[in-house]
Amino acid sequence: MTIRIDKKITGYEVAREEPAAGKPAAAPEHEAGNKVVQMHEKLERPEMLMGSTYKIKTPLSEHALYVTINDVVLNPGTEHELRRPFEIFINSKNMDHFQWIVALTRIISAVFRKGGDVTFLVEELRSVFDPRGGYFKKGGRYMPSLVAEIGDAIEGHMRMIGLIKDDGLDEHQRRHVEEKRAQFEASRNLAQTETDPGDPFPPGAQLCSKCNTRAVVAMDNCLTCLNCGESKCG
């Protein structure tokens, strides 16, 4: 409907839709004060960061490596509070690998600060193989290279802060694996004192292709992993 105005206009305002009864109007984002901060490369580094240090001792060197990962806490004190990795440092008395270790820490730190899903770093690092061969770490876990073990340390940290969810065995699978192990030890008459305290799995166990742990035993023509439950029957 058209309205003709015959008088001089002395003022005007934009008509706004009235909020429904009983519902207050939504406050602008800058007034609400609840803007969620996400990880991005321009995020300013706080004066203090929380961190964790992991010791890596390999047969490749007489000196251990110490991997330190510092985290930033986003949106502290709110329902959107998150702890995310911000930077990584690797130190050792052994200077043989100094050059590539410094390059690796800078690249990983840059990826951390980019934000988004950074969990892909774990698989990328763990898929690096040393042409001279890998080694078994304490507990029977196979590490194809030193870089892979650094990736393993990063995975453990990401699980600790909740960035990677624990996808371990459920209660039924854990009970099944424990039963299989008890049967195997009973059939071989393995006493607890005969096992290596640093290796929780029976001596002579084979390497599992799924979890890279030396925990595969043969039972009733079946190769069963006592760590992850993987089974192949022949």
C-alpha atoms as a PDB file:
ATOM      1  CA  MET A   1       0.000   0.000   0.000  1.00  0.00           C
ATOM      2  CA  THR A   2       1.414   3.389  -1.022  1.00  0.00           C
ATOM      3  CA  ILE A   3       1.286   6.332   1.422  1.00  0.00           C
ATOM      4  CA  ARG A   4       1.721   9.893   0.093  1.00  0.00           C
ATOM      5  CA  ILE A   5       3.561  12.307   2.404  1.00  0.00           C
ATOM      6  CA  ASP A   6       2.467  15.944   1.989  1.00  0.00           C
ATOM      7  CA  LYS A   7       4.441  17.362   4.959  1.00  0.00           C
ATOM      8  CA  LYS A   8       8.160  18.049   5.385  1.00  0.00           C
ATOM      9  CA  ILE A   9      10.127  15.034   6.731  1.00  0.00           C
ATOM     10  CA  THR A  10      11.736  15.973  10.032  1.00  0.00           C
ATOM     11  CA  GLY A  11      13.154  12.575  11.007  1.00  0.00           C
ATOM     12  CA  TYR A  12      13.107   8.858  10.284  1.00  0.00           C
ATOM     13  CA  GLU A  13      14.149   5.466  11.651  1.00  0.00           C
ATOM     14  CA  VAL A  14      14.378   1.907  10.332  1.00  0.00           C
ATOM     15  CA  ALA A  15      11.516  -0.241  11.493  1.00  0.00           C
ATOM     16  CA  ARG A  16      12.647  -3.462  13.144  1.00  0.00           C
ATOM     17  CA  GLU A  17      10.717  -6.650  13.655  1.00  0.00           C
ATOM     18  CA  GLU A  18       9.497  -6.894  17.240  1.00  0.00           C
ATOM     19  CA  PRO A  19      10.727 -10.000  19.149  1.00  0.00           C
ATOM     20  CA  ALA A  20       8.136 -12.618  19.996  1.00  0.00           C
ATOM     21  CA  ALA A  21       6.509 -12.330  23.404  1.00  0.00           C
ATOM     22  CA  GLY A  22       8.595 -13.882  26.149  1.00  0.00           C
ATOM     23  CA  LYS A  23      11.742 -14.099  24.013  1.00  0.00           C
ATOM     24  CA  PRO A  24      14.414 -11.436  24.507  1.00  0.00           C
ATOM     25  CA  ALA A  25      16.136 -10.059  21.432  1.00  0.00           C
ATOM     26  CA  ALA A  26      19.462 -11.727  20.655  1.00  0.00           C
ATOM     27  CA  ALA A  27      22.434  -9.602  21.608  1.00  0.00           C
ATOM     28  CA  PRO A  28      24.987  -8.814  18.915  1.00  0.00           C
ATOM     29  CA  GLU A  29      28.011 -11.107  18.950  1.00  0.00           C
ATOM     30  CA  HIS A  30      30.339  -8.341  20.138  1.00  0.00           C
ATOM     31  CA  GLU A  31      27.962  -7.538  22.998  1.00  0.00           C
ATOM     32  CA  ALA A  32      27.280 -11.140  23.958  1.00  0.00           C
ATOM     33  CA  GLY A  33      30.974 -11.680  24.649  1.00  0.00           C
ATOM     34  CA  ASN A  34      30.814 -15.379  23.739  1.00  0.00           C
ATOM     35  CA  LYS A  35      32.891 -15.496  20.569  1.00  0.00           C
ATOM     36  CA  VAL A  36      34.591 -18.884  20.307  1.00  0.00           C
ATOM     37  CA  VAL A  37      38.338 -18.684  19.609  1.00  0.00           C
ATOM     38  CA  GLN A  38      39.681 -21.330  17.240  1.00  0.00           C
ATOM     39  CA  MET A  39      43.303 -22.296  16.664  1.00  0.00           C
ATOM     40  CA  HIS A  40      44.871 -20.298  13.809  1.00  0.00           C
ATOM     41  CA  GLU A  41      48.356 -19.274  12.736  1.00  0.00           C
ATOM     42  CA  LYS A  42      47.937 -15.651  13.880  1.00  0.00           C
ATOM     43  CA  LEU A  43      47.011 -16.631  17.444  1.00  0.00           C
ATOM     44  CA  GLU A  44      49.361 -14.774  19.777  1.00  0.00           C
ATOM     45  CA  ARG A  45      51.532 -16.986  21.947  1.00  0.00           C
ATOM     46  CA  PRO A  46      50.695 -16.628  25.659  1.00  0.00           C
ATOM     47  CA  GLU A  47      53.473 -15.850  28.120  1.00  0.00           C
ATOM     48  CA  MET A  48      53.104 -19.298  29.698  1.00  0.00           C
ATOM     49  CA  LEU A  49      52.104 -22.623  28.161  1.00  0.00           C
ATOM     50  CA  MET A  50      51.399 -25.986  29.752  1.00  0.00           C
ATOM     51  CA  GLY A  51      53.654 -28.756  28.494  1.00  0.00           C
ATOM     52  CA  SER A  52      54.630 -32.406  28.827  1.00  0.00           C
ATOM     53  CA  THR A  53      58.013 -34.020  28.176  1.00  0.00           C
ATOM     54  CA  TYR A  54      58.439 -37.575  26.891  1.00  0.00           C
ATOM     55  CA  LYS A  55      61.662 -39.563  27.075  1.00  0.00           C
ATOM     56  CA  ILE A  56      62.616 -41.681  24.052  1.00  0.00           C
ATOM     57  CA  LYS A  57      65.429 -44.206  24.568  1.00  0.00           C
ATOM     58  CA  THR A  58      66.358 -46.192  21.498  1.00  0.00           C
ATOM     59  CA  PRO A  59      69.114 -48.726  20.681  1.00  0.00           C
ATOM     60  CA  LEU A  60      70.196 -46.363  17.900  1.00  0.00           C
ATOM     61  CA  SER A  61      71.912 -44.016  20.333  1.00  0.00           C
ATOM     62  CA  GLU A  62      73.382 -44.141  23.817  1.00  0.00           C
ATOM     63  CA  HIS A  63      71.683 -40.827  24.614  1.00  0.00           C
ATOM     64  CA  ALA A  64      67.932 -40.408  25.031  1.00  0.00           C
ATOM     65  CA  LEU A  65      65.751 -37.909  23.209  1.00  0.00           C
ATOM     66  CA  TYR A  66      63.386 -35.660  25.159  1.00  0.00           C
ATOM     67  CA  VAL A  67      60.243 -34.563  23.311  1.00  0.00           C
ATOM     68  CA  THR A  68      58.457 -31.571  24.853  1.00  0.00           C
ATOM     69  CA  ILE A  69      55.009 -30.567  23.584  1.00  0.00           C
ATOM     70  CA  ASN A  70      53.499 -27.292  24.825  1.00  0.00           C
ATOM     71  CA  ASP A  71      49.742 -26.732  24.680  1.00  0.00           C
ATOM     72  CA  VAL A  72      47.584 -23.623  24.492  1.00  0.00           C
ATOM     73  CA  VAL A  73      44.203 -23.487  26.259  1.00  0.00           C
ATOM     74  CA  LEU A  74      41.497 -21.903  24.104  1.00  0.00           C
ATOM     75  CA  ASN A  75      38.381 -20.294  25.622  1.00  0.00           C
ATOM     76  CA  PRO A  76      39.423 -21.023  29.233  1.00  0.00           C
ATOM     77  CA  GLY A  77      36.645 -21.218  31.790  1.00  0.00           C
ATOM     78  CA  THR A  78      33.884 -21.674  29.195  1.00  0.00           C
ATOM     79  CA  GLU A  79      32.008 -24.636  27.771  1.00  0.00           C
ATOM     80  CA  HIS A  80      34.179 -24.307  24.650  1.00  0.00           C
ATOM     81  CA  GLU A  81      37.476 -24.751  26.509  1.00  0.00           C
ATOM     82  CA  LEU A  82      39.966 -26.761  24.471  1.00  0.00           C
ATOM     83  CA  ARG A  83      43.587 -27.777  24.975  1.00  0.00           C
ATOM     84  CA  ARG A  84      45.510 -27.945  21.717  1.00  0.00           C
ATOM     85  CA  PRO A  85      49.225 -28.544  20.907  1.00  0.00           C
ATOM     86  CA  PHE A  86      51.015 -25.305  20.050  1.00  0.00           C
ATOM     87  CA  GLU A  87      54.715 -26.141  19.696  1.00  0.00           C
ATOM     88  CA  ILE A  88      57.193 -29.008  20.012  1.00  0.00           C
ATOM     89  CA  PHE A  89      60.858 -29.197  21.015  1.00  0.00           C
ATOM     90  CA  ILE A  90      63.252 -32.162  20.853  1.00  0.00           C
ATOM     91  CA  ASN A  91      66.505 -32.164  22.818  1.00  0.00           C
ATOM     92  CA  SER A  92      69.349 -34.657  23.211  1.00  0.00           C
ATOM     93  CA  LYS A  93      73.050 -34.826  24.041  1.00  0.00           C
ATOM     94  CA  ASN A  94      73.508 -36.613  20.725  1.00  0.00           C
ATOM     95  CA  MET A  95      74.062 -33.952  18.046  1.00  0.00           C
ATOM     96  CA  ASP A  96      74.187 -36.390  15.107  1.00  0.00           C
ATOM     97  CA  HIS A  97      70.574 -35.674  14.128  1.00  0.00           C
ATOM     98  CA  PHE A  98      70.487 -32.013  15.201  1.00  0.00           C
ATOM     99  CA  GLN A  99      69.860 -30.510  11.758  1.00  0.00           C
ATOM    100  CA  TRP A 100      66.883 -32.587  10.694  1.00  0.00           C
ATOM    101  CA  ILE A 101      65.400 -32.622  14.207  1.00  0.00           C
ATOM    102  CA  VAL A 102      65.333 -28.808  14.308  1.00  0.00           C
ATOM    103  CA  ALA A 103      63.692 -28.756  10.860  1.00  0.00           C
ATOM    104  CA  LEU A 104      61.159 -31.373  11.951  1.00  0.00           C
ATOM    105  CA  THR A 105      60.178 -29.478  15.128  1.00  0.00           C
ATOM    106  CA  ARG A 106      59.665 -26.232  13.215  1.00  0.00           C
ATOM    107  CA  ILE A 107      57.471 -27.891  10.602  1.00  0.00           C
ATOM    108  CA  ILE A 108      55.378 -29.749  13.198  1.00  0.00           C
ATOM    109  CA  SER A 109      54.973 -26.567  15.290  1.00  0.00           C
ATOM    110  CA  ALA A 110      53.816 -24.681  12.178  1.00  0.00           C
ATOM    111  CA  VAL A 111      51.225 -27.378  11.461  1.00  0.00           C
ATOM    112  CA  PHE A 112      50.013 -27.222  15.081  1.00  0.00           C
ATOM    113  CA  ARG A 113      49.442 -23.462  14.799  1.00  0.00           C
ATOM    114  CA  LYS A 114      47.571 -23.766  11.514  1.00  0.00           C
ATOM    115  CA  GLY A 115      44.713 -25.372  13.413  1.00  0.00           C
ATOM    116  CA  GLY A 116      42.190 -27.833  12.059  1.00  0.00           C
ATOM    117  CA  ASP A 117      42.696 -31.585  12.265  1.00  0.00           C
ATOM    118  CA  VAL A 118      46.399 -32.096  13.018  1.00  0.00           C
ATOM    119  CA  THR A 119      46.070 -35.764  14.000  1.00  0.00           C
ATOM    120  CA  PHE A 120      47.214 -36.798  10.512  1.00  0.00           C
ATOM    121  CA  LEU A 121      50.775 -36.012  11.659  1.00  0.00           C
ATOM    122  CA  VAL A 122      50.783 -39.199  13.734  1.00  0.00           C
ATOM    123  CA  GLU A 123      50.224 -41.530  10.775  1.00  0.00           C
ATOM    124  CA  GLU A 124      52.609 -39.580   8.556  1.00  0.00           C
ATOM    125  CA  LEU A 125      55.459 -39.865  11.075  1.00  0.00           C
ATOM    126  CA  ARG A 126      54.724 -43.481  12.010  1.00  0.00           C
ATOM    127  CA  SER A 127      54.873 -44.520   8.351  1.00  0.00           C
ATOM    128  CA  VAL A 128      58.542 -43.455   8.035  1.00  0.00           C
ATOM    129  CA  PHE A 129      60.848 -46.500   7.788  1.00  0.00           C
ATOM    130  CA  ASP A 130      64.575 -46.544   8.441  1.00  0.00           C
ATOM    131  CA  PRO A 131      66.418 -48.333   5.577  1.00  0.00           C
ATOM    132  CA  ARG A 132      68.782 -49.812   8.175  1.00  0.00           C
ATOM    133  CA  GLY A 133      65.862 -51.466   9.954  1.00  0.00           C
ATOM    134  CA  GLY A 134      63.724 -50.685  12.986  1.00  0.00           C
ATOM    135  CA  TYR A 135      63.793 -51.913  16.559  1.00  0.00           C
ATOM    136  CA  PHE A 136      61.566 -53.145  19.363  1.00  0.00           C
ATOM    137  CA  LYS A 137      60.860 -50.784  22.221  1.00  0.00           C
ATOM    138  CA  LYS A 138      60.013 -51.869  25.746  1.00  0.00           C
ATOM    139  CA  GLY A 139      56.792 -53.887  25.772  1.00  0.00           C
ATOM    140  CA  GLY A 140      57.386 -55.574  22.397  1.00  0.00           C
ATOM    141  CA  ARG A 141      56.172 -52.646  20.258  1.00  0.00           C
ATOM    142  CA  TYR A 142      57.960 -52.421  16.900  1.00  0.00           C
ATOM    143  CA  MET A 143      59.234 -49.021  15.801  1.00  0.00           C
ATOM    144  CA  PRO A 144      60.284 -48.823  12.109  1.00  0.00           C
ATOM    145  CA  SER A 145      62.372 -45.677  12.740  1.00  0.00           C
ATOM    146  CA  LEU A 146      63.261 -42.952  15.214  1.00  0.00           C
ATOM    147  CA  VAL A 147      60.855 -40.598  13.422  1.00  0.00           C
ATOM    148  CA  ALA A 148      58.087 -43.161  13.922  1.00  0.00           C
ATOM    149  CA  GLU A 149      58.731 -43.200  17.665  1.00  0.00           C
ATOM    150  CA  ILE A 150      58.507 -39.398  17.752  1.00  0.00           C
ATOM    151  CA  GLY A 151      55.124 -39.810  16.060  1.00  0.00           C
ATOM    152  CA  ASP A 152      54.204 -42.387  18.703  1.00  0.00           C
ATOM    153  CA  ALA A 153      55.034 -39.865  21.453  1.00  0.00           C
ATOM    154  CA  ILE A 154      52.888 -37.215  19.738  1.00  0.00           C
ATOM    155  CA  GLU A 155      50.003 -39.695  19.506  1.00  0.00           C
ATOM    156  CA  GLY A 156      50.249 -40.444  23.217  1.00  0.00           C
ATOM    157  CA  HIS A 157      50.147 -36.718  23.991  1.00  0.00           C
ATOM    158  CA  MET A 158      47.151 -36.139  21.721  1.00  0.00           C
ATOM    159  CA  ARG A 159      45.303 -38.950  23.469  1.00  0.00           C
ATOM    160  CA  MET A 160      46.176 -37.445  26.840  1.00  0.00           C
ATOM    161  CA  ILE A 161      44.651 -34.047  25.977  1.00  0.00           C
ATOM    162  CA  GLY A 162      41.612 -35.614  24.272  1.00  0.00           C
ATOM    163  CA  LEU A 163      42.473 -34.669  20.682  1.00  0.00           C
ATOM    164  CA  ILE A 164      42.552 -38.368  19.728  1.00  0.00           C
ATOM    165  CA  LYS A 165      39.879 -40.537  21.275  1.00  0.00           C
ATOM    166  CA  ASP A 166      40.946 -43.828  22.788  1.00  0.00           C
ATOM    167  CA  ASP A 167      39.840 -46.600  20.413  1.00  0.00           C
ATOM    168  CA  GLY A 168      41.183 -49.464  22.493  1.00  0.00           C
ATOM    169  CA  LEU A 169      39.532 -52.791  23.114  1.00  0.00           C
ATOM    170  CA  ASP A 170      36.075 -52.814  24.628  1.00  0.00           C
ATOM    171  CA  GLU A 171      35.267 -54.940  27.680  1.00  0.00           C
ATOM    172  CA  HIS A 172      34.205 -57.989  25.643  1.00  0.00           C
ATOM    173  CA  GLN A 173      37.332 -57.917  23.461  1.00  0.00           C
ATOM    174  CA  ARG A 174      39.599 -57.379  26.467  1.00  0.00           C
ATOM    175  CA  ARG A 175      38.065 -60.366  28.256  1.00  0.00           C
ATOM    176  CA  HIS A 176      38.454 -62.506  25.111  1.00  0.00           C
ATOM    177  CA  VAL A 177      42.140 -61.593  24.797  1.00  0.00           C
ATOM    178  CA  GLU A 178      42.779 -62.328  28.480  1.00  0.00           C
ATOM    179  CA  GLU A 179      41.124 -65.741  28.113  1.00  0.00           C
ATOM    180  CA  LYS A 180      43.256 -66.524  25.051  1.00  0.00           C
ATOM    181  CA  ARG A 181      46.415 -65.548  26.864  1.00  0.00           C
ATOM    182  CA  ALA A 182      45.525 -67.651  29.910  1.00  0.00           C
ATOM    183  CA  GLN A 183      44.857 -70.662  27.654  1.00  0.00           C
ATOM    184  CA  PHE A 184      48.153 -70.182  25.832  1.00  0.00           C
ATOM    185  CA  GLU A 185      50.189 -69.902  29.016  1.00  0.00           C
ATOM    186  CA  ALA A 186      48.438 -72.940  30.498  1.00  0.00           C
ATOM    187  CA  SER A 187      49.106 -75.020  27.382  1.00  0.00           C
ATOM    188  CA  ARG A 188      52.805 -74.104  27.429  1.00  0.00           C
ATOM    189  CA  ASN A 189      53.098 -74.250  31.234  1.00  0.00           C
ATOM    190  CA  LEU A 190      54.516 -70.730  31.302  1.00  0.00           C
ATOM    191  CA  ALA A 191      55.065 -69.434  34.779  1.00  0.00           C
ATOM    192  CA  GLN A 192      54.874 -65.719  35.456  1.00  0.00           C
ATOM    193  CA  THR A 193      58.450 -65.765  36.680  1.00  0.00           C
ATOM    194  CA  GLU A 194      59.673 -67.066  33.321  1.00  0.00           C
ATOM    195  CA  THR A 195      58.428 -64.044  31.412  1.00  0.00           C
ATOM    196  CA  ASP A 196      60.426 -60.894  30.869  1.00  0.00           C
ATOM    197  CA  PRO A 197      59.075 -58.186  33.212  1.00  0.00           C
ATOM    198  CA  GLY A 198      59.713 -55.605  30.499  1.00  0.00           C
ATOM    199  CA  ASP A 199      57.708 -57.613  27.963  1.00  0.00           C
ATOM    200  CA  PRO A 200      54.108 -58.375  28.991  1.00  0.00           C
ATOM    201  CA  PHE A 201      53.677 -60.966  26.229  1.00  0.00           C
ATOM    202  CA  PRO A 202      54.877 -64.598  26.109  1.00  0.00           C
ATOM    203  CA  PRO A 203      58.407 -65.293  24.854  1.00  0.00           C
ATOM    204  CA  GLY A 204      58.515 -66.372  21.227  1.00  0.00           C
ATOM    205  CA  ALA A 205      55.491 -64.302  20.228  1.00  0.00           C
ATOM    206  CA  GLN A 206      55.454 -63.033  16.641  1.00  0.00           C
ATOM    207  CA  LEU A 207      54.979 -59.503  15.345  1.00  0.00           C
ATOM    208  CA  CYS A 208      51.372 -58.395  14.735  1.00  0.00           C
ATOM    209  CA  SER A 209      50.876 -56.680  11.376  1.00  0.00           C
ATOM    210  CA  LYS A 210      47.977 -54.610  12.755  1.00  0.00           C
ATOM    211  CA  CYS A 211      49.339 -53.094  15.987  1.00  0.00           C
ATOM    212  CA  ASN A 212      53.110 -53.685  15.400  1.00  0.00           C
ATOM    213  CA  THR A 213      53.432 -55.465  18.753  1.00  0.00           C
ATOM    214  CA  ARG A 214      55.273 -58.741  19.286  1.00  0.00           C
ATOM    215  CA  ALA A 215      52.221 -60.472  20.747  1.00  0.00           C
ATOM    216  CA  VAL A 216      50.966 -63.008  18.153  1.00  0.00           C
ATOM    217  CA  VAL A 217      50.782 -66.631  19.328  1.00  0.00           C
ATOM    218  CA  ALA A 218      49.538 -69.796  17.620  1.00  0.00           C
ATOM    219  CA  MET A 219      46.568 -71.559  19.243  1.00  0.00           C
ATOM    220  CA  ASP A 220      44.459 -74.310  17.646  1.00  0.00           C
ATOM    221  CA  ASN A 221      45.785 -73.432  14.168  1.00  0.00           C
ATOM    222  CA  CYS A 222      44.896 -69.772  14.792  1.00  0.00           C
ATOM    223  CA  LEU A 223      47.331 -66.865  14.988  1.00  0.00           C
ATOM    224  CA  THR A 224      45.939 -64.574  17.665  1.00  0.00           C
ATOM    225  CA  CYS A 225      47.345 -61.237  18.839  1.00  0.00           C
ATOM    226  CA  LEU A 226      47.248 -60.932  22.609  1.00  0.00           C
ATOM    227  CA  ASN A 227      47.453 -57.137  22.367  1.00  0.00           C
ATOM    228  CA  CYS A 228      44.776 -56.062  19.874  1.00  0.00           C
ATOM    229  CA  GLY A 229      42.812 -59.311  19.379  1.00  0.00           C
ATOM    230  CA  GLU A 230      43.566 -59.685  15.659  1.00  0.00           C
ATOM    231  CA  SER A 231      43.086 -63.329  14.675  1.00  0.00           C
ATOM    232  CA  LYS A 232      43.830 -65.353  11.546  1.00  0.00           C
ATOM    233  CA  CYS A 233      42.792 -68.982  11.484  1.00  0.00           C
ATOM    234  CA  GLY A 234      44.424 -71.556   9.236  1.00  0.00           C
END
